[in-house]
Amino acid sequence: MLQDSVVAIVPDEAVRDILPTIHRAGLGHVARLIRAGRSSVLEHLQRAGVPVAQAPEPLQMCQAALLINAAARSPMAASLVLQHGASQVWTVSALGAWNEIEDVILVQPNVHELPPHPARLVPGRAAPPPALAPPGRAPASDAAE
C-alpha cells in the first residue's frame, strides 16, 4: 500500500446511506465493502494491502468494514463516512499508523472578527465621466442659446 486509506466500521443499516454518498463523491471506484465470511475482516484488509499489525480492537471483532483507498482525499472520505453513519473511522498511513477520526469539524469564520473590506468599484459599472469638449469649442448646449 503506497497511500493513505480509510477504514470504517459500517453498521448494516448505514450501508444504504453510505455507499451512494461515496459514489456521488467520486470515490466509488476506490471503495470496497468487506464482510467477514470465510475469513475475518482483518485478513481481507491485509490481502488488500492495508497494514494490520496495529489495527484497533473494534475492527478485529466487526462483521463489516468499508475500505477506501483515497490517497490525498482520505480526510474528506473519512469525514464523509462519519457524517453518514459509520460507527468508527480510521485513516491508515502507508507505514501502518491508525488514526481514529472522532468528529466532523466544520470550519466557519467568525464574521464579527473579520477586517472590514472597503467597497470596490467594478470596472465598467461606474457612471461614465462627463464628456469634455475639444479645446476652442463651446459645448453643444451653450451654442444653441
N, C-alpha and C. Protein backbone atom coordinates (compact mmCIF):
# COMPACT_ATOMS: atom_id res chain seq x y z
N MET A 1 0.85 -1.17 0.00
CA MET A 1 0.00 0.00 0.00
C MET A 1 0.90 1.23 0.00
N LEU A 2 0.71 2.10 -0.95
CA LEU A 2 1.56 3.27 -1.09
C LEU A 2 0.87 4.57 -0.71
N GLN A 3 -0.36 4.50 -0.25
CA GLN A 3 -1.09 5.72 0.07
C GLN A 3 -1.89 5.52 1.34
N ASP A 4 -2.46 6.62 1.83
CA ASP A 4 -3.35 6.53 2.99
C ASP A 4 -4.67 5.90 2.56
N SER A 5 -5.26 5.19 3.48
CA SER A 5 -6.56 4.57 3.25
C SER A 5 -7.49 4.94 4.39
N VAL A 6 -8.77 4.78 4.14
CA VAL A 6 -9.78 4.98 5.16
C VAL A 6 -10.43 3.63 5.42
N VAL A 7 -10.52 3.27 6.70
CA VAL A 7 -11.20 2.04 7.10
C VAL A 7 -12.29 2.45 8.08
N ALA A 8 -13.52 2.02 7.81
CA ALA A 8 -14.65 2.40 8.65
C ALA A 8 -15.48 1.18 9.00
N ILE A 9 -15.92 1.11 10.25
CA ILE A 9 -16.88 0.09 10.65
C ILE A 9 -18.26 0.63 10.29
N VAL A 10 -18.96 -0.12 9.46
CA VAL A 10 -20.24 0.34 8.94
C VAL A 10 -21.35 -0.61 9.39
N PRO A 11 -22.29 -0.12 10.21
CA PRO A 11 -23.43 -0.96 10.58
C PRO A 11 -24.29 -1.25 9.34
N ASP A 12 -24.96 -2.39 9.34
CA ASP A 12 -25.76 -2.79 8.17
C ASP A 12 -26.81 -1.75 7.80
N GLU A 13 -27.40 -1.09 8.79
CA GLU A 13 -28.44 -0.11 8.50
C GLU A 13 -27.87 1.17 7.87
N ALA A 14 -26.57 1.40 7.98
CA ALA A 14 -25.96 2.61 7.40
C ALA A 14 -25.40 2.38 6.00
N VAL A 15 -25.29 1.13 5.58
CA VAL A 15 -24.70 0.83 4.26
C VAL A 15 -25.51 1.48 3.15
N ARG A 16 -26.84 1.47 3.27
CA ARG A 16 -27.71 2.04 2.22
C ARG A 16 -27.51 3.54 2.05
N ASP A 17 -27.04 4.21 3.09
CA ASP A 17 -26.80 5.65 3.02
C ASP A 17 -25.36 5.97 2.61
N ILE A 18 -24.42 5.19 3.13
CA ILE A 18 -23.00 5.49 2.90
C ILE A 18 -22.56 5.19 1.47
N LEU A 19 -22.92 4.05 0.93
CA LEU A 19 -22.42 3.67 -0.40
C LEU A 19 -22.84 4.65 -1.51
N PRO A 20 -24.11 5.06 -1.59
CA PRO A 20 -24.44 6.06 -2.62
C PRO A 20 -23.71 7.38 -2.43
N THR A 21 -23.50 7.76 -1.17
CA THR A 21 -22.78 9.00 -0.89
C THR A 21 -21.34 8.91 -1.38
N ILE A 22 -20.71 7.77 -1.16
CA ILE A 22 -19.33 7.55 -1.61
C ILE A 22 -19.27 7.63 -3.14
N HIS A 23 -20.23 7.03 -3.81
CA HIS A 23 -20.24 7.07 -5.28
C HIS A 23 -20.49 8.49 -5.80
N ARG A 24 -21.39 9.24 -5.16
CA ARG A 24 -21.64 10.62 -5.59
C ARG A 24 -20.42 11.51 -5.40
N ALA A 25 -19.59 11.18 -4.41
CA ALA A 25 -18.38 11.97 -4.15
C ALA A 25 -17.24 11.59 -5.09
N GLY A 26 -17.46 10.63 -5.98
CA GLY A 26 -16.42 10.23 -6.92
C GLY A 26 -15.42 9.25 -6.34
N LEU A 27 -15.79 8.56 -5.27
CA LEU A 27 -14.87 7.62 -4.63
C LEU A 27 -15.31 6.16 -4.79
N GLY A 28 -16.34 5.93 -5.56
CA GLY A 28 -16.87 4.57 -5.69
C GLY A 28 -15.89 3.58 -6.26
N HIS A 29 -15.05 4.01 -7.18
CA HIS A 29 -14.11 3.10 -7.82
C HIS A 29 -12.94 2.72 -6.91
N VAL A 30 -12.76 3.42 -5.79
CA VAL A 30 -11.68 3.08 -4.86
C VAL A 30 -12.23 2.58 -3.52
N ALA A 31 -13.54 2.33 -3.46
CA ALA A 31 -14.18 1.86 -2.23
C ALA A 31 -14.50 0.38 -2.34
N ARG A 32 -14.46 -0.28 -1.19
CA ARG A 32 -14.73 -1.72 -1.16
C ARG A 32 -15.39 -2.06 0.18
N LEU A 33 -16.57 -2.66 0.12
CA LEU A 33 -17.26 -3.12 1.32
C LEU A 33 -16.78 -4.53 1.62
N ILE A 34 -16.25 -4.72 2.82
CA ILE A 34 -15.68 -6.01 3.22
C ILE A 34 -16.57 -6.61 4.29
N ARG A 35 -16.99 -7.84 4.07
CA ARG A 35 -17.79 -8.56 5.07
C ARG A 35 -17.04 -9.81 5.51
N ALA A 36 -17.13 -10.10 6.80
CA ALA A 36 -16.50 -11.31 7.32
C ALA A 36 -17.27 -12.51 6.80
N GLY A 37 -16.57 -13.44 6.27
CA GLY A 37 -17.18 -14.66 5.74
C GLY A 37 -16.31 -15.83 6.15
N ARG A 38 -15.63 -16.40 5.15
CA ARG A 38 -14.71 -17.49 5.47
C ARG A 38 -13.47 -16.98 6.20
N SER A 39 -13.17 -15.71 6.05
CA SER A 39 -12.03 -15.12 6.77
C SER A 39 -12.48 -13.82 7.43
N SER A 40 -11.68 -13.35 8.36
CA SER A 40 -12.05 -12.15 9.12
C SER A 40 -11.84 -10.89 8.28
N VAL A 41 -12.41 -9.80 8.77
CA VAL A 41 -12.25 -8.51 8.10
C VAL A 41 -10.77 -8.13 8.04
N LEU A 42 -10.02 -8.42 9.11
CA LEU A 42 -8.59 -8.09 9.13
C LEU A 42 -7.83 -8.84 8.05
N GLU A 43 -8.16 -10.09 7.83
CA GLU A 43 -7.48 -10.86 6.77
C GLU A 43 -7.80 -10.28 5.39
N HIS A 44 -9.04 -9.85 5.20
CA HIS A 44 -9.40 -9.20 3.93
C HIS A 44 -8.61 -7.90 3.75
N LEU A 45 -8.50 -7.11 4.82
CA LEU A 45 -7.75 -5.86 4.74
C LEU A 45 -6.28 -6.11 4.44
N GLN A 46 -5.73 -7.15 5.06
CA GLN A 46 -4.32 -7.47 4.82
C GLN A 46 -4.10 -7.87 3.37
N ARG A 47 -5.02 -8.65 2.81
CA ARG A 47 -4.89 -9.03 1.39
C ARG A 47 -5.04 -7.82 0.47
N ALA A 48 -5.76 -6.79 0.93
CA ALA A 48 -5.92 -5.57 0.13
C ALA A 48 -4.73 -4.63 0.27
N GLY A 49 -3.76 -5.00 1.11
CA GLY A 49 -2.55 -4.20 1.25
C GLY A 49 -2.54 -3.23 2.41
N VAL A 50 -3.51 -3.33 3.30
CA VAL A 50 -3.56 -2.44 4.46
C VAL A 50 -2.73 -3.05 5.58
N PRO A 51 -1.80 -2.29 6.17
CA PRO A 51 -1.02 -2.82 7.29
C PRO A 51 -1.91 -3.02 8.52
N VAL A 52 -2.02 -4.24 9.01
CA VAL A 52 -2.96 -4.54 10.08
C VAL A 52 -2.27 -4.87 11.40
N ALA A 53 -0.97 -4.71 11.49
CA ALA A 53 -0.25 -5.05 12.72
C ALA A 53 -0.75 -4.22 13.90
N GLN A 54 -1.12 -2.96 13.68
CA GLN A 54 -1.58 -2.09 14.76
C GLN A 54 -3.08 -1.81 14.66
N ALA A 55 -3.81 -2.69 14.02
CA ALA A 55 -5.26 -2.48 13.85
C ALA A 55 -5.95 -2.43 15.21
N PRO A 56 -6.89 -1.52 15.39
CA PRO A 56 -7.60 -1.39 16.66
C PRO A 56 -8.50 -2.59 16.94
N GLU A 57 -8.76 -2.79 18.21
CA GLU A 57 -9.54 -3.96 18.64
C GLU A 57 -10.96 -4.00 18.08
N PRO A 58 -11.70 -2.87 18.02
CA PRO A 58 -13.07 -2.96 17.47
C PRO A 58 -13.10 -3.52 16.05
N LEU A 59 -12.06 -3.27 15.29
CA LEU A 59 -12.01 -3.75 13.92
C LEU A 59 -11.81 -5.26 13.86
N GLN A 60 -11.17 -5.81 14.88
CA GLN A 60 -10.92 -7.25 14.91
C GLN A 60 -12.20 -8.03 15.15
N MET A 61 -13.19 -7.38 15.75
CA MET A 61 -14.44 -8.07 16.09
C MET A 61 -15.60 -7.74 15.16
N CYS A 62 -15.42 -6.81 14.23
CA CYS A 62 -16.56 -6.36 13.42
C CYS A 62 -16.88 -7.36 12.30
N GLN A 63 -18.10 -7.26 11.78
CA GLN A 63 -18.55 -8.15 10.72
C GLN A 63 -18.50 -7.49 9.34
N ALA A 64 -18.42 -6.14 9.30
CA ALA A 64 -18.36 -5.44 8.01
C ALA A 64 -17.54 -4.16 8.17
N ALA A 65 -16.75 -3.87 7.15
CA ALA A 65 -15.94 -2.65 7.14
C ALA A 65 -15.90 -2.11 5.72
N LEU A 66 -15.71 -0.81 5.63
CA LEU A 66 -15.59 -0.15 4.34
C LEU A 66 -14.15 0.31 4.19
N LEU A 67 -13.52 -0.06 3.07
CA LEU A 67 -12.15 0.34 2.77
C LEU A 67 -12.19 1.31 1.60
N ILE A 68 -11.56 2.47 1.77
CA ILE A 68 -11.47 3.45 0.69
C ILE A 68 -10.00 3.82 0.53
N ASN A 69 -9.43 3.49 -0.61
CA ASN A 69 -8.04 3.86 -0.92
C ASN A 69 -8.07 5.20 -1.63
N ALA A 70 -8.07 6.27 -0.83
CA ALA A 70 -8.32 7.60 -1.40
C ALA A 70 -7.11 8.51 -1.45
N ALA A 71 -5.97 8.07 -0.99
CA ALA A 71 -4.73 8.87 -1.02
C ALA A 71 -4.95 10.26 -0.45
N ALA A 72 -4.81 11.29 -1.26
CA ALA A 72 -4.90 12.68 -0.78
C ALA A 72 -6.32 13.04 -0.33
N ARG A 73 -7.32 12.29 -0.76
CA ARG A 73 -8.71 12.59 -0.38
C ARG A 73 -9.15 11.80 0.85
N SER A 74 -8.21 11.16 1.54
CA SER A 74 -8.57 10.38 2.72
C SER A 74 -9.27 11.18 3.80
N PRO A 75 -8.80 12.39 4.16
CA PRO A 75 -9.53 13.15 5.19
C PRO A 75 -10.97 13.46 4.78
N MET A 76 -11.17 13.80 3.52
CA MET A 76 -12.52 14.09 3.03
C MET A 76 -13.38 12.82 3.06
N ALA A 77 -12.81 11.70 2.64
CA ALA A 77 -13.56 10.44 2.64
C ALA A 77 -13.91 10.01 4.05
N ALA A 78 -12.98 10.18 4.99
CA ALA A 78 -13.24 9.81 6.38
C ALA A 78 -14.36 10.67 6.96
N SER A 79 -14.32 11.95 6.69
CA SER A 79 -15.36 12.85 7.18
C SER A 79 -16.71 12.48 6.58
N LEU A 80 -16.72 12.12 5.33
CA LEU A 80 -17.95 11.77 4.62
C LEU A 80 -18.62 10.53 5.23
N VAL A 81 -17.85 9.47 5.46
CA VAL A 81 -18.45 8.25 6.01
C VAL A 81 -18.87 8.45 7.46
N LEU A 82 -18.14 9.29 8.18
CA LEU A 82 -18.52 9.57 9.56
C LEU A 82 -19.84 10.34 9.61
N GLN A 83 -20.03 11.28 8.69
CA GLN A 83 -21.27 12.05 8.64
C GLN A 83 -22.47 11.19 8.27
N HIS A 84 -22.24 10.12 7.54
CA HIS A 84 -23.36 9.32 7.02
C HIS A 84 -23.56 7.99 7.73
N GLY A 85 -23.05 7.84 8.95
CA GLY A 85 -23.45 6.70 9.75
C GLY A 85 -22.41 5.67 10.13
N ALA A 86 -21.15 5.84 9.76
CA ALA A 86 -20.13 4.87 10.19
C ALA A 86 -19.95 5.00 11.70
N SER A 87 -19.79 3.86 12.37
CA SER A 87 -19.66 3.92 13.83
C SER A 87 -18.26 4.31 14.26
N GLN A 88 -17.24 3.84 13.55
CA GLN A 88 -15.86 4.23 13.83
C GLN A 88 -15.10 4.33 12.52
N VAL A 89 -14.19 5.32 12.44
CA VAL A 89 -13.46 5.57 11.21
C VAL A 89 -11.99 5.81 11.54
N TRP A 90 -11.11 5.23 10.73
CA TRP A 90 -9.67 5.43 10.88
C TRP A 90 -9.06 5.78 9.53
N THR A 91 -8.01 6.59 9.56
CA THR A 91 -7.15 6.72 8.38
C THR A 91 -5.91 5.90 8.69
N VAL A 92 -5.46 5.15 7.71
CA VAL A 92 -4.31 4.27 7.88
C VAL A 92 -3.21 4.75 6.95
N SER A 93 -2.05 5.05 7.53
CA SER A 93 -0.94 5.52 6.70
C SER A 93 -0.24 4.34 6.05
N ALA A 94 0.58 4.63 5.07
CA ALA A 94 1.32 3.59 4.37
C ALA A 94 2.29 2.87 5.30
N LEU A 95 2.70 3.55 6.38
CA LEU A 95 3.63 2.94 7.33
C LEU A 95 2.92 2.16 8.43
N GLY A 96 1.58 2.16 8.43
CA GLY A 96 0.83 1.35 9.38
C GLY A 96 0.26 2.07 10.57
N ALA A 97 0.31 3.39 10.60
CA ALA A 97 -0.27 4.14 11.72
C ALA A 97 -1.78 4.27 11.52
N TRP A 98 -2.54 3.90 12.54
CA TRP A 98 -4.00 4.00 12.51
C TRP A 98 -4.42 5.22 13.33
N ASN A 99 -5.06 6.19 12.70
CA ASN A 99 -5.52 7.41 13.38
C ASN A 99 -7.03 7.45 13.33
N GLU A 100 -7.64 7.45 14.53
CA GLU A 100 -9.10 7.46 14.58
C GLU A 100 -9.63 8.87 14.31
N ILE A 101 -10.66 8.94 13.48
CA ILE A 101 -11.36 10.18 13.21
C ILE A 101 -12.58 10.16 14.11
N GLU A 102 -12.61 11.08 15.08
CA GLU A 102 -13.65 11.01 16.09
C GLU A 102 -14.82 11.96 15.87
N ASP A 103 -14.59 13.03 15.13
CA ASP A 103 -15.65 14.01 14.99
C ASP A 103 -15.48 14.74 13.68
N VAL A 104 -16.56 15.27 13.19
CA VAL A 104 -16.53 16.07 11.97
C VAL A 104 -16.34 17.52 12.39
N ILE A 105 -15.34 18.16 11.86
CA ILE A 105 -15.06 19.54 12.21
C ILE A 105 -15.46 20.42 11.03
N LEU A 106 -16.35 21.34 11.30
CA LEU A 106 -16.77 22.30 10.29
C LEU A 106 -16.13 23.64 10.63
N VAL A 107 -15.41 24.19 9.71
CA VAL A 107 -14.74 25.46 9.95
C VAL A 107 -15.61 26.58 9.39
N GLN A 108 -16.02 27.48 10.28
CA GLN A 108 -16.78 28.64 9.86
C GLN A 108 -16.10 29.87 10.44
N PRO A 109 -15.79 30.83 9.61
CA PRO A 109 -15.15 32.03 10.15
C PRO A 109 -16.12 32.84 10.99
N ASN A 110 -15.58 33.50 11.99
CA ASN A 110 -16.39 34.40 12.80
C ASN A 110 -16.43 35.73 12.06
N VAL A 111 -17.56 36.05 11.48
CA VAL A 111 -17.66 37.25 10.65
C VAL A 111 -17.51 38.53 11.45
N HIS A 112 -17.65 38.46 12.76
CA HIS A 112 -17.50 39.65 13.58
C HIS A 112 -16.04 40.01 13.80
N GLU A 113 -15.14 39.07 13.54
CA GLU A 113 -13.71 39.32 13.73
C GLU A 113 -12.98 39.60 12.43
N LEU A 114 -13.66 39.50 11.31
CA LEU A 114 -13.01 39.74 10.03
C LEU A 114 -12.78 41.23 9.83
N PRO A 115 -11.67 41.61 9.21
CA PRO A 115 -11.45 43.03 8.96
C PRO A 115 -12.44 43.52 7.91
N PRO A 116 -12.88 44.78 8.04
CA PRO A 116 -13.83 45.30 7.04
C PRO A 116 -13.13 45.49 5.70
N HIS A 117 -13.86 45.22 4.66
CA HIS A 117 -13.34 45.39 3.31
C HIS A 117 -14.01 46.62 2.70
N PRO A 118 -13.21 47.56 2.21
CA PRO A 118 -13.82 48.74 1.58
C PRO A 118 -14.53 48.34 0.30
N ALA A 119 -15.56 49.11 -0.02
CA ALA A 119 -16.30 48.84 -1.26
C ALA A 119 -15.38 49.09 -2.45
N ARG A 120 -15.49 48.24 -3.44
CA ARG A 120 -14.68 48.39 -4.64
C ARG A 120 -15.59 48.68 -5.83
N LEU A 121 -15.11 49.55 -6.71
CA LEU A 121 -15.85 49.83 -7.93
C LEU A 121 -15.58 48.72 -8.93
N VAL A 122 -16.62 48.26 -9.55
CA VAL A 122 -16.48 47.24 -10.58
C VAL A 122 -16.19 47.93 -11.89
N PRO A 123 -15.13 47.54 -12.59
CA PRO A 123 -14.83 48.20 -13.86
C PRO A 123 -16.00 48.08 -14.82
N GLY A 124 -16.33 49.21 -15.46
CA GLY A 124 -17.42 49.21 -16.42
C GLY A 124 -18.78 49.45 -15.81
N ARG A 125 -18.88 49.49 -14.49
CA ARG A 125 -20.17 49.68 -13.83
C ARG A 125 -20.35 51.09 -13.29
N ALA A 126 -19.30 51.89 -13.24
CA ALA A 126 -19.39 53.25 -12.70
C ALA A 126 -20.04 54.16 -13.74
N ALA A 127 -20.56 55.28 -13.29
CA ALA A 127 -21.16 56.25 -14.21
C ALA A 127 -20.07 56.77 -15.14
N PRO A 128 -20.39 56.94 -16.43
CA PRO A 128 -19.36 57.43 -17.36
C PRO A 128 -18.96 58.86 -17.00
N PRO A 129 -17.69 59.18 -17.16
CA PRO A 129 -17.26 60.55 -16.84
C PRO A 129 -17.92 61.53 -17.80
N PRO A 130 -18.10 62.80 -17.37
CA PRO A 130 -18.73 63.78 -18.25
C PRO A 130 -17.88 64.01 -19.49
N ALA A 131 -18.55 64.21 -20.61
CA ALA A 131 -17.83 64.41 -21.88
C ALA A 131 -17.16 65.77 -21.86
N LEU A 132 -15.95 65.81 -22.31
CA LEU A 132 -15.21 67.07 -22.37
C LEU A 132 -15.19 67.56 -23.82
N ALA A 133 -15.43 68.86 -23.99
CA ALA A 133 -15.41 69.45 -25.33
C ALA A 133 -13.96 69.68 -25.75
N PRO A 134 -13.69 69.53 -27.04
CA PRO A 134 -12.33 69.81 -27.50
C PRO A 134 -11.99 71.27 -27.25
N PRO A 135 -10.72 71.59 -27.06
CA PRO A 135 -10.36 72.98 -26.76
C PRO A 135 -10.76 73.92 -27.91
N GLY A 136 -11.27 75.09 -27.54
CA GLY A 136 -11.65 76.10 -28.52
C GLY A 136 -13.09 76.00 -28.96
N ARG A 137 -13.81 75.00 -28.59
CA ARG A 137 -15.22 74.88 -28.97
C ARG A 137 -16.09 74.96 -27.74
N ALA A 138 -17.22 75.50 -27.89
CA ALA A 138 -18.17 75.58 -26.79
C ALA A 138 -19.01 74.31 -26.77
N PRO A 139 -19.45 73.91 -25.61
CA PRO A 139 -20.32 72.74 -25.54
C PRO A 139 -21.59 72.96 -26.36
N ALA A 140 -22.19 71.90 -26.85
CA ALA A 140 -23.36 71.97 -27.73
C ALA A 140 -24.53 72.66 -27.05
N SER A 141 -24.69 72.51 -25.75
CA SER A 141 -25.82 73.14 -25.06
C SER A 141 -25.66 74.65 -25.01
N ASP A 142 -24.43 75.18 -24.95
CA ASP A 142 -24.21 76.63 -24.91
C ASP A 142 -24.38 77.24 -26.30
N ALA A 143 -24.08 76.51 -27.36
CA ALA A 143 -24.14 77.03 -28.72
C ALA A 143 -25.58 77.25 -29.16
N ALA A 144 -26.53 76.52 -28.62
CA ALA A 144 -27.92 76.64 -29.01
C ALA A 144 -28.53 77.91 -28.47
N GLU A 145 -28.00 78.52 -27.46
CA GLU A 145 -28.58 79.70 -26.85
C GLU A 145 -28.29 80.92 -27.58
